[in-house]
């Protein structure tokens, strides 16, 4: 293959610990002969993408990063559950651009009939619901519940996991979800532990998006 085989995973917030967590979550997808997976932080972004204003703030910088890196990348992943700038970025490159919310939801629907989303904040939920509606898959969604912690607070492992476990159980037992999607890239480090605890498949959406990007890179599908 003459094209570069490198997937660029863009964390649109400026919190390096989130990028490190995403990077660690990529380890199962790194393989000899496979595309390189590079995780980068958008320095211009806010500490966390927690509002529609934050989403709109990073659209331009994401597009500029995609433009700058198009020559040496075979695919791009926007690692934020709001998929900021996804469609705008697709307009500036011929390479695949994947958003983790879209990929996470699509992956969840192959693992169960009704998916539940674990969000960070209650104010994130209307934004997520709009997106699920736009995707046309609202009838496959069991529920969306928030743990009540912002992006920076996710670094508190004891508190974060306790809240995630509680919300996961509510989505399973009260809402009828049979697969869960983690609604923030900052939750990546908790996937395996949460899956064992709750007894349901748990989709880490950055992993879902990069898994798809590997296929797109290897098969050279165009948009």
N, C-alpha and C. Protein backbone atom coordinates (compact mmCIF):
# COMPACT_ATOMS: atom_id res chain seq x y z
N UNK A 1 0.84 -1.19 0.00
CA UNK A 1 0.00 0.00 0.00
C UNK A 1 0.88 1.24 0.00
N UNK A 2 0.66 2.15 -0.94
CA UNK A 2 1.48 3.35 -1.05
C UNK A 2 1.03 4.45 -0.12
N UNK A 3 -0.23 4.45 0.26
CA UNK A 3 -0.75 5.48 1.14
C UNK A 3 -0.22 5.29 2.57
N UNK A 4 -0.01 6.39 3.30
CA UNK A 4 0.43 6.25 4.69
C UNK A 4 -0.61 5.52 5.52
N UNK A 5 -0.16 4.62 6.39
CA UNK A 5 -1.07 3.87 7.24
C UNK A 5 -0.91 4.37 8.68
N UNK A 6 -1.56 5.48 8.95
CA UNK A 6 -1.50 6.11 10.27
C UNK A 6 -2.87 6.67 10.60
N UNK A 7 -3.39 6.29 11.75
CA UNK A 7 -4.67 6.82 12.21
C UNK A 7 -4.38 7.89 13.25
N UNK A 8 -4.87 9.08 13.03
CA UNK A 8 -4.69 10.17 13.97
C UNK A 8 -5.95 10.31 14.83
N UNK A 9 -5.79 10.10 16.13
CA UNK A 9 -6.89 10.20 17.08
C UNK A 9 -6.78 11.56 17.77
N UNK A 10 -7.77 12.42 17.56
CA UNK A 10 -7.71 13.79 18.05
C UNK A 10 -8.59 13.92 19.29
N UNK A 11 -7.97 14.23 20.41
CA UNK A 11 -8.72 14.59 21.61
C UNK A 11 -9.00 16.09 21.54
N UNK A 12 -10.26 16.50 21.36
CA UNK A 12 -10.55 17.92 21.15
C UNK A 12 -10.47 18.77 22.41
N UNK A 13 -10.29 18.14 23.58
CA UNK A 13 -10.07 18.98 24.76
C UNK A 13 -8.57 19.06 25.04
N UNK A 14 -8.19 19.97 25.93
CA UNK A 14 -6.78 20.25 26.16
C UNK A 14 -6.22 19.49 27.36
N UNK A 15 -6.93 18.50 27.85
CA UNK A 15 -6.50 17.76 29.05
C UNK A 15 -5.66 16.56 28.65
N UNK A 16 -4.37 16.65 28.94
CA UNK A 16 -3.43 15.61 28.51
C UNK A 16 -3.74 14.25 29.14
N UNK A 17 -4.27 14.24 30.36
CA UNK A 17 -4.56 12.95 31.00
C UNK A 17 -5.63 12.19 30.23
N UNK A 18 -6.58 12.91 29.62
CA UNK A 18 -7.60 12.27 28.79
C UNK A 18 -6.94 11.63 27.58
N UNK A 19 -6.02 12.35 26.95
CA UNK A 19 -5.32 11.81 25.78
C UNK A 19 -4.52 10.56 26.17
N UNK A 20 -3.88 10.60 27.33
CA UNK A 20 -3.12 9.42 27.76
C UNK A 20 -4.04 8.23 27.98
N UNK A 21 -5.23 8.47 28.53
CA UNK A 21 -6.18 7.39 28.72
C UNK A 21 -6.66 6.80 27.41
N UNK A 22 -6.91 7.67 26.44
CA UNK A 22 -7.31 7.19 25.11
C UNK A 22 -6.19 6.38 24.49
N UNK A 23 -4.96 6.88 24.61
CA UNK A 23 -3.81 6.20 24.03
C UNK A 23 -3.65 4.81 24.62
N UNK A 24 -3.82 4.69 25.94
CA UNK A 24 -3.72 3.38 26.57
C UNK A 24 -4.81 2.43 26.08
N UNK A 25 -6.00 2.98 25.82
CA UNK A 25 -7.11 2.16 25.35
C UNK A 25 -6.86 1.64 23.94
N UNK A 26 -5.92 2.23 23.22
CA UNK A 26 -5.61 1.79 21.86
C UNK A 26 -4.71 0.57 21.82
N UNK A 27 -4.10 0.21 22.93
CA UNK A 27 -3.11 -0.87 22.92
C UNK A 27 -3.63 -2.17 22.30
N UNK A 28 -4.86 -2.62 22.58
CA UNK A 28 -5.32 -3.87 21.96
C UNK A 28 -5.46 -3.78 20.44
N UNK A 29 -5.49 -2.56 19.91
CA UNK A 29 -5.69 -2.37 18.47
C UNK A 29 -4.39 -2.13 17.72
N UNK A 30 -3.30 -2.04 18.46
CA UNK A 30 -1.99 -1.87 17.83
C UNK A 30 -1.43 -3.25 17.51
N UNK A 31 -1.00 -3.44 16.25
CA UNK A 31 -0.53 -4.76 15.83
C UNK A 31 0.55 -4.59 14.78
N UNK A 32 1.41 -5.57 14.72
CA UNK A 32 2.46 -5.56 13.71
C UNK A 32 1.84 -5.60 12.32
N UNK A 33 2.25 -4.68 11.48
CA UNK A 33 1.72 -4.61 10.13
C UNK A 33 0.45 -3.80 10.02
N UNK A 34 -0.11 -3.41 11.16
CA UNK A 34 -1.33 -2.60 11.14
C UNK A 34 -1.00 -1.12 11.11
N UNK A 35 -2.00 -0.28 10.92
CA UNK A 35 -1.75 1.15 10.91
C UNK A 35 -1.22 1.63 12.26
N UNK A 36 -0.30 2.57 12.23
CA UNK A 36 0.12 3.24 13.46
C UNK A 36 -1.07 4.03 14.01
N UNK A 37 -1.17 4.12 15.32
CA UNK A 37 -2.26 4.86 15.97
C UNK A 37 -1.61 5.95 16.82
N UNK A 38 -1.83 7.19 16.44
CA UNK A 38 -1.24 8.33 17.13
C UNK A 38 -2.35 9.14 17.79
N UNK A 39 -2.22 9.40 19.07
CA UNK A 39 -3.21 10.17 19.81
C UNK A 39 -2.63 11.54 20.13
N UNK A 40 -3.37 12.59 19.81
CA UNK A 40 -2.89 13.96 20.01
C UNK A 40 -3.94 14.77 20.76
N UNK A 41 -3.46 15.81 21.43
CA UNK A 41 -4.32 16.72 22.18
C UNK A 41 -4.50 18.01 21.40
N UNK A 42 -5.72 18.51 21.33
CA UNK A 42 -5.98 19.80 20.69
C UNK A 42 -5.71 20.90 21.72
N UNK A 43 -4.57 21.53 21.61
CA UNK A 43 -4.15 22.51 22.61
C UNK A 43 -5.13 23.67 22.71
N UNK A 44 -5.81 23.99 21.61
CA UNK A 44 -6.74 25.12 21.61
C UNK A 44 -8.06 24.81 22.28
N UNK A 45 -8.30 23.55 22.60
CA UNK A 45 -9.60 23.15 23.14
C UNK A 45 -9.76 23.52 24.61
N UNK A 46 -10.99 23.49 25.10
CA UNK A 46 -11.24 23.71 26.53
C UNK A 46 -10.80 22.47 27.31
N UNK A 47 -10.72 22.55 28.64
CA UNK A 47 -10.32 21.37 29.43
C UNK A 47 -11.25 20.18 29.23
N UNK A 48 -12.51 20.43 28.93
CA UNK A 48 -13.47 19.37 28.64
C UNK A 48 -14.53 19.89 27.70
N UNK A 49 -15.06 19.02 26.85
CA UNK A 49 -16.17 19.39 25.96
C UNK A 49 -17.45 19.08 26.72
N UNK A 50 -18.03 20.11 27.33
CA UNK A 50 -19.16 19.89 28.23
C UNK A 50 -20.39 20.72 27.86
N UNK A 51 -20.37 21.39 26.72
CA UNK A 51 -21.51 22.21 26.31
C UNK A 51 -21.49 22.35 24.80
N UNK A 52 -22.61 22.82 24.24
CA UNK A 52 -22.66 23.06 22.80
C UNK A 52 -21.67 24.14 22.40
N UNK A 53 -21.47 25.13 23.28
CA UNK A 53 -20.49 26.17 22.99
C UNK A 53 -19.08 25.58 22.86
N UNK A 54 -18.76 24.63 23.74
CA UNK A 54 -17.46 23.96 23.64
C UNK A 54 -17.35 23.19 22.32
N UNK A 55 -18.43 22.53 21.94
CA UNK A 55 -18.44 21.79 20.67
C UNK A 55 -18.11 22.73 19.51
N UNK A 56 -18.79 23.85 19.47
CA UNK A 56 -18.60 24.79 18.35
C UNK A 56 -17.23 25.45 18.39
N UNK A 57 -16.68 25.61 19.58
CA UNK A 57 -15.37 26.24 19.74
C UNK A 57 -14.26 25.46 19.05
N UNK A 58 -14.37 24.15 19.00
CA UNK A 58 -13.27 23.33 18.49
C UNK A 58 -13.44 22.90 17.04
N UNK A 59 -14.54 23.27 16.41
CA UNK A 59 -14.77 22.83 15.03
C UNK A 59 -13.66 23.31 14.10
N UNK A 60 -13.33 24.59 14.16
CA UNK A 60 -12.29 25.14 13.29
C UNK A 60 -10.92 24.53 13.55
N UNK A 61 -10.46 24.47 14.82
CA UNK A 61 -9.16 23.86 15.08
C UNK A 61 -9.05 22.40 14.67
N UNK A 62 -10.14 21.64 14.82
CA UNK A 62 -10.11 20.25 14.37
C UNK A 62 -9.91 20.19 12.86
N UNK A 63 -10.64 21.01 12.14
CA UNK A 63 -10.49 21.04 10.68
C UNK A 63 -9.08 21.41 10.26
N UNK A 64 -8.47 22.38 10.96
CA UNK A 64 -7.11 22.77 10.64
C UNK A 64 -6.13 21.64 10.90
N UNK A 65 -6.33 20.90 11.99
CA UNK A 65 -5.43 19.78 12.28
C UNK A 65 -5.55 18.71 11.21
N UNK A 66 -6.77 18.43 10.78
CA UNK A 66 -6.97 17.44 9.72
C UNK A 66 -6.27 17.89 8.44
N UNK A 67 -6.40 19.16 8.09
CA UNK A 67 -5.72 19.68 6.90
C UNK A 67 -4.21 19.50 7.01
N UNK A 68 -3.65 19.86 8.17
CA UNK A 68 -2.20 19.80 8.35
C UNK A 68 -1.67 18.37 8.26
N UNK A 69 -2.46 17.41 8.70
CA UNK A 69 -1.97 16.03 8.81
C UNK A 69 -2.48 15.11 7.70
N UNK A 70 -3.22 15.65 6.74
CA UNK A 70 -3.81 14.79 5.72
C UNK A 70 -2.77 13.98 4.96
N UNK A 71 -1.63 14.57 4.68
CA UNK A 71 -0.64 13.90 3.85
C UNK A 71 -0.04 12.67 4.51
N UNK A 72 0.04 12.65 5.85
CA UNK A 72 0.69 11.52 6.51
C UNK A 72 -0.26 10.64 7.31
N UNK A 73 -1.56 10.79 7.09
CA UNK A 73 -2.54 9.96 7.81
C UNK A 73 -3.50 9.29 6.84
N UNK A 74 -3.92 8.10 7.19
CA UNK A 74 -4.88 7.38 6.34
C UNK A 74 -6.30 7.50 6.87
N UNK A 75 -6.47 7.95 8.12
CA UNK A 75 -7.80 8.14 8.70
C UNK A 75 -7.67 9.02 9.94
N UNK A 76 -8.78 9.65 10.30
CA UNK A 76 -8.84 10.51 11.47
C UNK A 76 -10.00 10.08 12.36
N UNK A 77 -9.79 10.16 13.67
CA UNK A 77 -10.84 9.88 14.64
C UNK A 77 -10.97 11.09 15.56
N UNK A 78 -12.20 11.60 15.71
CA UNK A 78 -12.47 12.69 16.63
C UNK A 78 -12.95 12.08 17.93
N UNK A 79 -12.08 12.15 18.96
CA UNK A 79 -12.30 11.40 20.20
C UNK A 79 -13.04 12.25 21.23
N UNK A 80 -14.26 12.58 20.91
CA UNK A 80 -15.17 13.26 21.85
C UNK A 80 -16.57 12.78 21.54
N UNK A 81 -17.35 12.47 22.56
CA UNK A 81 -18.65 11.86 22.34
C UNK A 81 -19.68 12.82 21.73
N UNK A 82 -19.34 14.09 21.59
CA UNK A 82 -20.22 15.01 20.88
C UNK A 82 -19.92 15.04 19.39
N UNK A 83 -18.88 14.30 18.95
CA UNK A 83 -18.45 14.30 17.54
C UNK A 83 -18.30 15.72 16.99
N UNK A 84 -17.59 16.61 17.70
CA UNK A 84 -17.48 18.00 17.23
C UNK A 84 -16.74 18.10 15.91
N UNK A 85 -17.28 18.88 15.00
CA UNK A 85 -16.61 19.15 13.74
C UNK A 85 -16.54 17.97 12.80
N UNK A 86 -17.31 16.91 13.05
CA UNK A 86 -17.20 15.70 12.25
C UNK A 86 -17.48 15.96 10.78
N UNK A 87 -18.60 16.57 10.49
CA UNK A 87 -18.98 16.75 9.08
C UNK A 87 -18.15 17.84 8.42
N UNK A 88 -17.77 18.87 9.19
CA UNK A 88 -16.89 19.90 8.64
C UNK A 88 -15.53 19.31 8.28
N UNK A 89 -15.01 18.44 9.14
CA UNK A 89 -13.71 17.82 8.86
C UNK A 89 -13.78 16.92 7.63
N UNK A 90 -14.91 16.25 7.45
CA UNK A 90 -15.06 15.38 6.28
C UNK A 90 -15.03 16.18 4.98
N UNK A 91 -15.35 17.46 5.07
CA UNK A 91 -15.35 18.29 3.87
C UNK A 91 -13.96 18.75 3.46
N UNK A 92 -12.97 18.63 4.35
CA UNK A 92 -11.64 19.17 4.04
C UNK A 92 -10.63 18.07 3.73
N UNK A 93 -11.07 16.81 3.70
CA UNK A 93 -10.15 15.72 3.40
C UNK A 93 -10.88 14.63 2.62
N UNK A 94 -10.09 13.90 1.85
CA UNK A 94 -10.62 12.72 1.17
C UNK A 94 -10.44 11.47 2.02
N UNK A 95 -9.73 11.60 3.15
CA UNK A 95 -9.50 10.47 4.04
C UNK A 95 -10.71 10.26 4.95
N UNK A 96 -10.91 9.06 5.46
CA UNK A 96 -12.02 8.82 6.39
C UNK A 96 -11.87 9.64 7.67
N UNK A 97 -12.97 10.21 8.13
CA UNK A 97 -13.03 10.88 9.42
C UNK A 97 -14.17 10.24 10.21
N UNK A 98 -13.86 9.71 11.38
CA UNK A 98 -14.86 9.00 12.18
C UNK A 98 -15.04 9.69 13.52
N UNK A 99 -16.29 9.76 13.96
CA UNK A 99 -16.62 10.31 15.26
C UNK A 99 -16.92 9.18 16.23
N UNK A 100 -16.48 9.34 17.48
CA UNK A 100 -16.61 8.20 18.40
C UNK A 100 -18.05 7.95 18.83
N UNK A 101 -18.89 8.99 18.86
CA UNK A 101 -20.28 8.74 19.23
C UNK A 101 -20.98 7.90 18.16
N UNK A 102 -20.85 8.32 16.91
CA UNK A 102 -21.47 7.58 15.81
C UNK A 102 -20.97 6.13 15.79
N UNK A 103 -19.65 5.95 15.90
CA UNK A 103 -19.09 4.60 15.85
C UNK A 103 -19.45 3.79 17.08
N UNK A 104 -19.47 4.44 18.24
CA UNK A 104 -19.82 3.73 19.46
C UNK A 104 -21.25 3.21 19.43
N UNK A 105 -22.16 4.05 18.95
CA UNK A 105 -23.57 3.66 18.86
C UNK A 105 -23.75 2.54 17.84
N UNK A 106 -23.12 2.68 16.68
CA UNK A 106 -23.25 1.65 15.65
C UNK A 106 -22.69 0.32 16.15
N UNK A 107 -21.57 0.37 16.86
CA UNK A 107 -20.99 -0.86 17.41
C UNK A 107 -21.92 -1.47 18.45
N UNK A 108 -22.48 -0.63 19.32
CA UNK A 108 -23.38 -1.13 20.36
C UNK A 108 -24.56 -1.88 19.76
N UNK A 109 -25.06 -1.41 18.63
CA UNK A 109 -26.22 -2.04 18.02
C UNK A 109 -25.91 -3.40 17.41
N UNK A 110 -24.61 -3.72 17.27
CA UNK A 110 -24.24 -5.08 16.85
C UNK A 110 -24.06 -6.01 18.04
N UNK A 111 -24.10 -5.45 19.25
CA UNK A 111 -23.86 -6.24 20.46
C UNK A 111 -25.11 -6.46 21.30
N UNK A 112 -26.16 -5.72 21.01
CA UNK A 112 -27.39 -5.84 21.78
C UNK A 112 -28.53 -5.14 21.06
N UNK A 113 -29.72 -5.33 21.58
CA UNK A 113 -30.90 -4.73 20.95
C UNK A 113 -31.11 -3.29 21.40
N UNK A 114 -30.85 -3.00 22.69
CA UNK A 114 -31.11 -1.66 23.21
C UNK A 114 -29.89 -1.19 23.99
N UNK A 115 -29.33 -0.06 23.57
CA UNK A 115 -28.11 0.44 24.20
C UNK A 115 -28.43 1.56 25.20
N UNK A 116 -27.63 1.61 26.24
CA UNK A 116 -27.71 2.68 27.22
C UNK A 116 -26.42 3.48 27.20
N UNK A 117 -26.52 4.77 27.44
CA UNK A 117 -25.35 5.65 27.40
C UNK A 117 -25.06 6.17 28.82
N UNK A 118 -23.80 6.09 29.21
CA UNK A 118 -23.36 6.65 30.49
C UNK A 118 -22.73 8.00 30.19
N UNK A 119 -23.41 9.08 30.57
CA UNK A 119 -22.93 10.43 30.29
C UNK A 119 -22.18 10.99 31.48
N UNK A 120 -21.49 12.10 31.24
CA UNK A 120 -20.80 12.74 32.36
C UNK A 120 -21.75 13.66 33.13
N UNK A 121 -22.44 14.55 32.44
CA UNK A 121 -23.29 15.56 33.09
C UNK A 121 -24.70 15.50 32.53
N UNK A 122 -25.67 15.87 33.34
CA UNK A 122 -27.07 15.87 32.87
C UNK A 122 -27.26 16.79 31.67
N UNK A 123 -26.52 17.89 31.63
CA UNK A 123 -26.69 18.83 30.52
C UNK A 123 -26.15 18.25 29.20
N UNK A 124 -25.40 17.16 29.28
CA UNK A 124 -24.92 16.50 28.06
C UNK A 124 -26.02 15.69 27.38
N UNK A 125 -27.01 15.26 28.16
CA UNK A 125 -28.00 14.32 27.65
C UNK A 125 -28.83 14.89 26.50
N UNK A 126 -29.36 16.12 26.57
CA UNK A 126 -30.12 16.64 25.42
C UNK A 126 -29.29 16.67 24.14
N UNK A 127 -28.00 16.97 24.26
CA UNK A 127 -27.12 16.98 23.08
C UNK A 127 -26.99 15.58 22.51
N UNK A 128 -26.85 14.60 23.39
CA UNK A 128 -26.76 13.21 22.93
C UNK A 128 -28.06 12.76 22.27
N UNK A 129 -29.19 13.13 22.86
CA UNK A 129 -30.48 12.73 22.31
C UNK A 129 -30.71 13.32 20.92
N UNK A 130 -30.29 14.57 20.74
CA UNK A 130 -30.41 15.17 19.40
C UNK A 130 -29.63 14.35 18.38
N UNK A 131 -28.45 13.90 18.78
CA UNK A 131 -27.60 13.15 17.84
C UNK A 131 -28.20 11.78 17.53
N UNK A 132 -28.68 11.10 18.56
CA UNK A 132 -29.32 9.80 18.33
C UNK A 132 -30.53 9.97 17.41
N UNK A 133 -31.28 11.04 17.61
CA UNK A 133 -32.41 11.32 16.72
C UNK A 133 -31.97 11.55 15.29
N UNK A 134 -30.88 12.31 15.12
CA UNK A 134 -30.37 12.56 13.78
C UNK A 134 -29.91 11.27 13.11
N UNK A 135 -29.39 10.34 13.90
CA UNK A 135 -28.96 9.06 13.35
C UNK A 135 -30.14 8.15 13.02
N UNK A 136 -31.32 8.47 13.55
CA UNK A 136 -32.51 7.68 13.26
C UNK A 136 -32.58 6.37 14.02
N UNK A 137 -31.94 6.31 15.19
CA UNK A 137 -31.90 5.04 15.93
C UNK A 137 -32.47 5.18 17.33
N UNK A 138 -33.35 6.16 17.53
CA UNK A 138 -33.90 6.40 18.86
C UNK A 138 -34.62 5.17 19.42
N UNK A 139 -35.22 4.37 18.53
CA UNK A 139 -35.96 3.20 19.01
C UNK A 139 -35.05 2.10 19.53
N UNK A 140 -33.75 2.22 19.30
CA UNK A 140 -32.79 1.24 19.81
C UNK A 140 -32.13 1.71 21.11
N UNK A 141 -32.48 2.90 21.56
CA UNK A 141 -31.85 3.47 22.76
C UNK A 141 -32.70 3.19 23.99
N UNK A 142 -32.09 2.59 25.00
CA UNK A 142 -32.81 2.31 26.25
C UNK A 142 -32.84 3.52 27.16
N UNK A 143 -31.76 4.27 27.20
CA UNK A 143 -31.70 5.42 28.09
C UNK A 143 -30.34 6.07 28.08
N UNK A 144 -30.26 7.24 28.67
CA UNK A 144 -29.02 7.99 28.81
C UNK A 144 -29.02 8.58 30.21
N UNK A 145 -28.09 8.18 31.04
CA UNK A 145 -28.02 8.65 32.42
C UNK A 145 -26.64 9.21 32.72
N UNK A 146 -26.60 10.25 33.54
CA UNK A 146 -25.36 10.95 33.85
C UNK A 146 -24.80 10.53 35.19
N UNK A 147 -23.47 10.52 35.28
CA UNK A 147 -22.81 10.23 36.55
C UNK A 147 -22.62 11.50 37.37
N UNK A 148 -22.82 12.67 36.76
CA UNK A 148 -22.72 13.93 37.49
C UNK A 148 -21.31 14.39 37.76
N UNK A 149 -20.36 13.98 36.92
CA UNK A 149 -18.97 14.39 37.05
C UNK A 149 -18.47 14.97 35.74
N UNK A 150 -17.74 16.08 35.81
CA UNK A 150 -17.16 16.66 34.61
C UNK A 150 -15.92 15.91 34.16
N UNK A 151 -15.37 16.34 33.03
CA UNK A 151 -14.23 15.64 32.43
C UNK A 151 -13.05 15.58 33.40
N UNK A 152 -12.71 16.69 34.03
CA UNK A 152 -11.55 16.71 34.92
C UNK A 152 -11.77 15.81 36.13
N UNK A 153 -13.01 15.71 36.61
CA UNK A 153 -13.30 14.89 37.79
C UNK A 153 -13.17 13.40 37.51
N UNK A 154 -13.12 13.00 36.24
CA UNK A 154 -13.01 11.58 35.91
C UNK A 154 -11.68 10.98 36.35
N UNK A 155 -10.71 11.84 36.68
CA UNK A 155 -9.42 11.34 37.15
C UNK A 155 -9.51 10.74 38.55
N UNK A 156 -10.57 11.05 39.29
CA UNK A 156 -10.79 10.47 40.63
C UNK A 156 -11.37 9.07 40.43
N UNK A 157 -10.51 8.07 40.46
CA UNK A 157 -10.91 6.73 40.05
C UNK A 157 -11.95 6.11 40.96
N UNK A 158 -11.80 6.27 42.25
CA UNK A 158 -12.74 5.65 43.18
C UNK A 158 -14.13 6.25 43.00
N UNK A 159 -14.22 7.54 43.01
CA UNK A 159 -15.52 8.22 42.87
C UNK A 159 -16.13 7.95 41.50
N UNK A 160 -15.31 8.04 40.44
CA UNK A 160 -15.83 7.86 39.09
C UNK A 160 -16.36 6.45 38.89
N UNK A 161 -15.60 5.44 39.29
CA UNK A 161 -16.06 4.07 39.05
C UNK A 161 -17.31 3.76 39.86
N UNK A 162 -17.38 4.28 41.08
CA UNK A 162 -18.57 4.04 41.89
C UNK A 162 -19.81 4.60 41.21
N UNK A 163 -19.71 5.80 40.66
CA UNK A 163 -20.85 6.41 39.98
C UNK A 163 -21.15 5.69 38.66
N UNK A 164 -20.13 5.31 37.93
CA UNK A 164 -20.36 4.59 36.68
C UNK A 164 -21.04 3.26 36.93
N UNK A 165 -20.62 2.56 37.97
CA UNK A 165 -21.23 1.26 38.31
C UNK A 165 -22.70 1.45 38.68
N UNK A 166 -22.98 2.50 39.43
CA UNK A 166 -24.36 2.76 39.84
C UNK A 166 -25.25 3.07 38.63
N UNK A 167 -24.76 3.94 37.76
CA UNK A 167 -25.53 4.33 36.58
C UNK A 167 -25.68 3.15 35.61
N UNK A 168 -24.63 2.37 35.46
CA UNK A 168 -24.70 1.19 34.58
C UNK A 168 -25.78 0.23 35.06
N UNK A 169 -25.86 0.02 36.36
CA UNK A 169 -26.89 -0.87 36.91
C UNK A 169 -28.28 -0.31 36.66
N UNK A 170 -28.45 1.00 36.77
CA UNK A 170 -29.76 1.61 36.50
C UNK A 170 -30.15 1.44 35.03
N UNK A 171 -29.20 1.64 34.13
CA UNK A 171 -29.49 1.45 32.71
C UNK A 171 -29.87 0.00 32.41
N UNK A 172 -29.21 -0.93 33.08
CA UNK A 172 -29.50 -2.36 32.89
C UNK A 172 -30.85 -2.74 33.51
N UNK A 173 -31.04 -2.37 34.78
CA UNK A 173 -32.17 -2.89 35.55
C UNK A 173 -33.45 -2.07 35.39
N UNK A 174 -33.32 -0.76 35.22
CA UNK A 174 -34.49 0.11 35.12
C UNK A 174 -34.86 0.45 33.68
N UNK A 175 -33.86 0.58 32.83
CA UNK A 175 -34.12 0.99 31.45
C UNK A 175 -34.11 -0.16 30.45
N UNK A 176 -33.59 -1.30 30.86
CA UNK A 176 -33.59 -2.46 29.98
C UNK A 176 -32.48 -2.50 28.95
N UNK A 177 -31.39 -1.78 29.20
CA UNK A 177 -30.26 -1.82 28.26
C UNK A 177 -29.57 -3.18 28.34
N UNK A 178 -29.19 -3.70 27.18
CA UNK A 178 -28.41 -4.94 27.17
C UNK A 178 -27.01 -4.73 26.62
N UNK A 179 -26.65 -3.48 26.35
CA UNK A 179 -25.28 -3.10 25.99
C UNK A 179 -25.13 -1.64 26.40
N UNK A 180 -23.94 -1.27 26.85
CA UNK A 180 -23.70 0.09 27.33
C UNK A 180 -22.63 0.78 26.49
N UNK A 181 -22.79 2.09 26.34
CA UNK A 181 -21.81 2.92 25.64
C UNK A 181 -21.29 3.96 26.62
N UNK A 182 -19.99 4.09 26.72
CA UNK A 182 -19.40 5.09 27.59
C UNK A 182 -19.45 6.45 26.86
N UNK A 183 -20.14 7.41 27.46
CA UNK A 183 -20.43 8.66 26.77
C UNK A 183 -19.40 9.75 26.92
N UNK A 184 -18.14 9.38 27.12
CA UNK A 184 -17.05 10.35 27.20
C UNK A 184 -15.74 9.62 27.00
N UNK A 185 -14.86 10.18 26.17
CA UNK A 185 -13.56 9.55 25.94
C UNK A 185 -12.73 9.49 27.22
N UNK A 186 -13.01 10.37 28.18
CA UNK A 186 -12.28 10.37 29.43
C UNK A 186 -12.57 9.17 30.31
N UNK A 187 -13.58 8.38 29.95
CA UNK A 187 -13.92 7.18 30.71
C UNK A 187 -13.16 5.94 30.25
N UNK A 188 -12.30 6.07 29.25
CA UNK A 188 -11.71 4.92 28.57
C UNK A 188 -11.07 3.92 29.52
N UNK A 189 -10.41 4.39 30.57
CA UNK A 189 -9.65 3.50 31.45
C UNK A 189 -10.55 2.54 32.24
N UNK A 190 -11.85 2.83 32.29
CA UNK A 190 -12.75 2.05 33.15
C UNK A 190 -13.52 0.96 32.40
N UNK A 191 -13.31 0.79 31.12
CA UNK A 191 -14.18 -0.09 30.33
C UNK A 191 -14.15 -1.54 30.81
N UNK A 192 -12.98 -2.13 30.87
CA UNK A 192 -12.91 -3.56 31.19
C UNK A 192 -13.46 -3.84 32.60
N UNK A 193 -13.09 -3.00 33.54
CA UNK A 193 -13.56 -3.17 34.91
C UNK A 193 -15.07 -3.04 34.99
N UNK A 194 -15.63 -2.06 34.28
CA UNK A 194 -17.07 -1.86 34.31
C UNK A 194 -17.80 -3.02 33.65
N UNK A 195 -17.26 -3.52 32.55
CA UNK A 195 -17.90 -4.64 31.86
C UNK A 195 -17.98 -5.87 32.77
N UNK A 196 -16.89 -6.14 33.48
CA UNK A 196 -16.90 -7.27 34.42
C UNK A 196 -17.92 -7.03 35.53
N UNK A 197 -18.01 -5.80 36.01
CA UNK A 197 -18.89 -5.49 37.14
C UNK A 197 -20.36 -5.60 36.76
N UNK A 198 -20.74 -5.06 35.59
CA UNK A 198 -22.15 -4.94 35.24
C UNK A 198 -22.67 -6.17 34.50
N UNK A 199 -21.77 -6.96 33.92
CA UNK A 199 -22.19 -8.17 33.23
C UNK A 199 -22.83 -7.94 31.88
N UNK A 200 -22.54 -6.79 31.27
CA UNK A 200 -23.04 -6.47 29.93
C UNK A 200 -21.87 -6.04 29.05
N UNK A 201 -21.99 -6.15 27.73
CA UNK A 201 -20.96 -5.57 26.87
C UNK A 201 -20.89 -4.06 27.10
N UNK A 202 -19.68 -3.53 27.21
CA UNK A 202 -19.48 -2.09 27.38
C UNK A 202 -18.60 -1.62 26.22
N UNK A 203 -19.11 -0.67 25.47
CA UNK A 203 -18.40 -0.14 24.31
C UNK A 203 -17.65 1.13 24.73
N UNK A 204 -16.33 1.11 24.54
CA UNK A 204 -15.55 2.33 24.68
C UNK A 204 -15.49 2.94 23.28
N UNK A 205 -16.09 4.09 23.06
CA UNK A 205 -16.31 4.55 21.69
C UNK A 205 -15.06 4.93 20.93
N UNK A 206 -13.99 5.32 21.61
CA UNK A 206 -12.74 5.60 20.89
C UNK A 206 -12.19 4.30 20.30
N UNK A 207 -12.27 3.22 21.05
CA UNK A 207 -11.86 1.93 20.52
C UNK A 207 -12.73 1.53 19.34
N UNK A 208 -14.03 1.75 19.45
CA UNK A 208 -14.95 1.40 18.36
C UNK A 208 -14.60 2.17 17.09
N UNK A 209 -14.31 3.46 17.24
CA UNK A 209 -14.01 4.28 16.08
C UNK A 209 -12.67 3.90 15.45
N UNK A 210 -11.67 3.64 16.28
CA UNK A 210 -10.36 3.27 15.73
C UNK A 210 -10.43 1.89 15.08
N UNK A 211 -11.22 0.97 15.65
CA UNK A 211 -11.38 -0.34 15.01
C UNK A 211 -11.96 -0.17 13.61
N UNK A 212 -12.94 0.72 13.47
CA UNK A 212 -13.49 0.98 12.13
C UNK A 212 -12.46 1.67 11.24
N UNK A 213 -11.69 2.59 11.82
CA UNK A 213 -10.69 3.30 11.03
C UNK A 213 -9.61 2.36 10.50
N UNK A 214 -9.27 1.35 11.28
CA UNK A 214 -8.30 0.36 10.81
C UNK A 214 -8.83 -0.32 9.55
N UNK A 215 -10.09 -0.74 9.59
CA UNK A 215 -10.69 -1.36 8.41
C UNK A 215 -10.71 -0.42 7.22
N UNK A 216 -11.08 0.83 7.47
CA UNK A 216 -11.12 1.80 6.38
C UNK A 216 -9.73 2.03 5.80
N UNK A 217 -8.73 2.09 6.67
CA UNK A 217 -7.35 2.29 6.19
C UNK A 217 -6.86 1.10 5.38
N UNK A 218 -7.12 -0.10 5.86
CA UNK A 218 -6.62 -1.30 5.19
C UNK A 218 -7.34 -1.57 3.87
N UNK A 219 -8.63 -1.27 3.85
CA UNK A 219 -9.43 -1.58 2.65
C UNK A 219 -9.50 -0.42 1.67
N UNK A 220 -9.01 0.74 2.09
CA UNK A 220 -8.96 1.93 1.24
C UNK A 220 -10.33 2.31 0.71
N UNK A 221 -11.36 2.16 1.55
CA UNK A 221 -12.69 2.64 1.17
C UNK A 221 -12.68 4.16 1.18
N UNK A 222 -13.29 4.75 0.21
CA UNK A 222 -13.45 6.21 0.20
C UNK A 222 -14.84 6.55 0.68
N UNK A 223 -15.01 7.82 1.06
CA UNK A 223 -16.32 8.26 1.57
C UNK A 223 -17.33 8.30 0.46
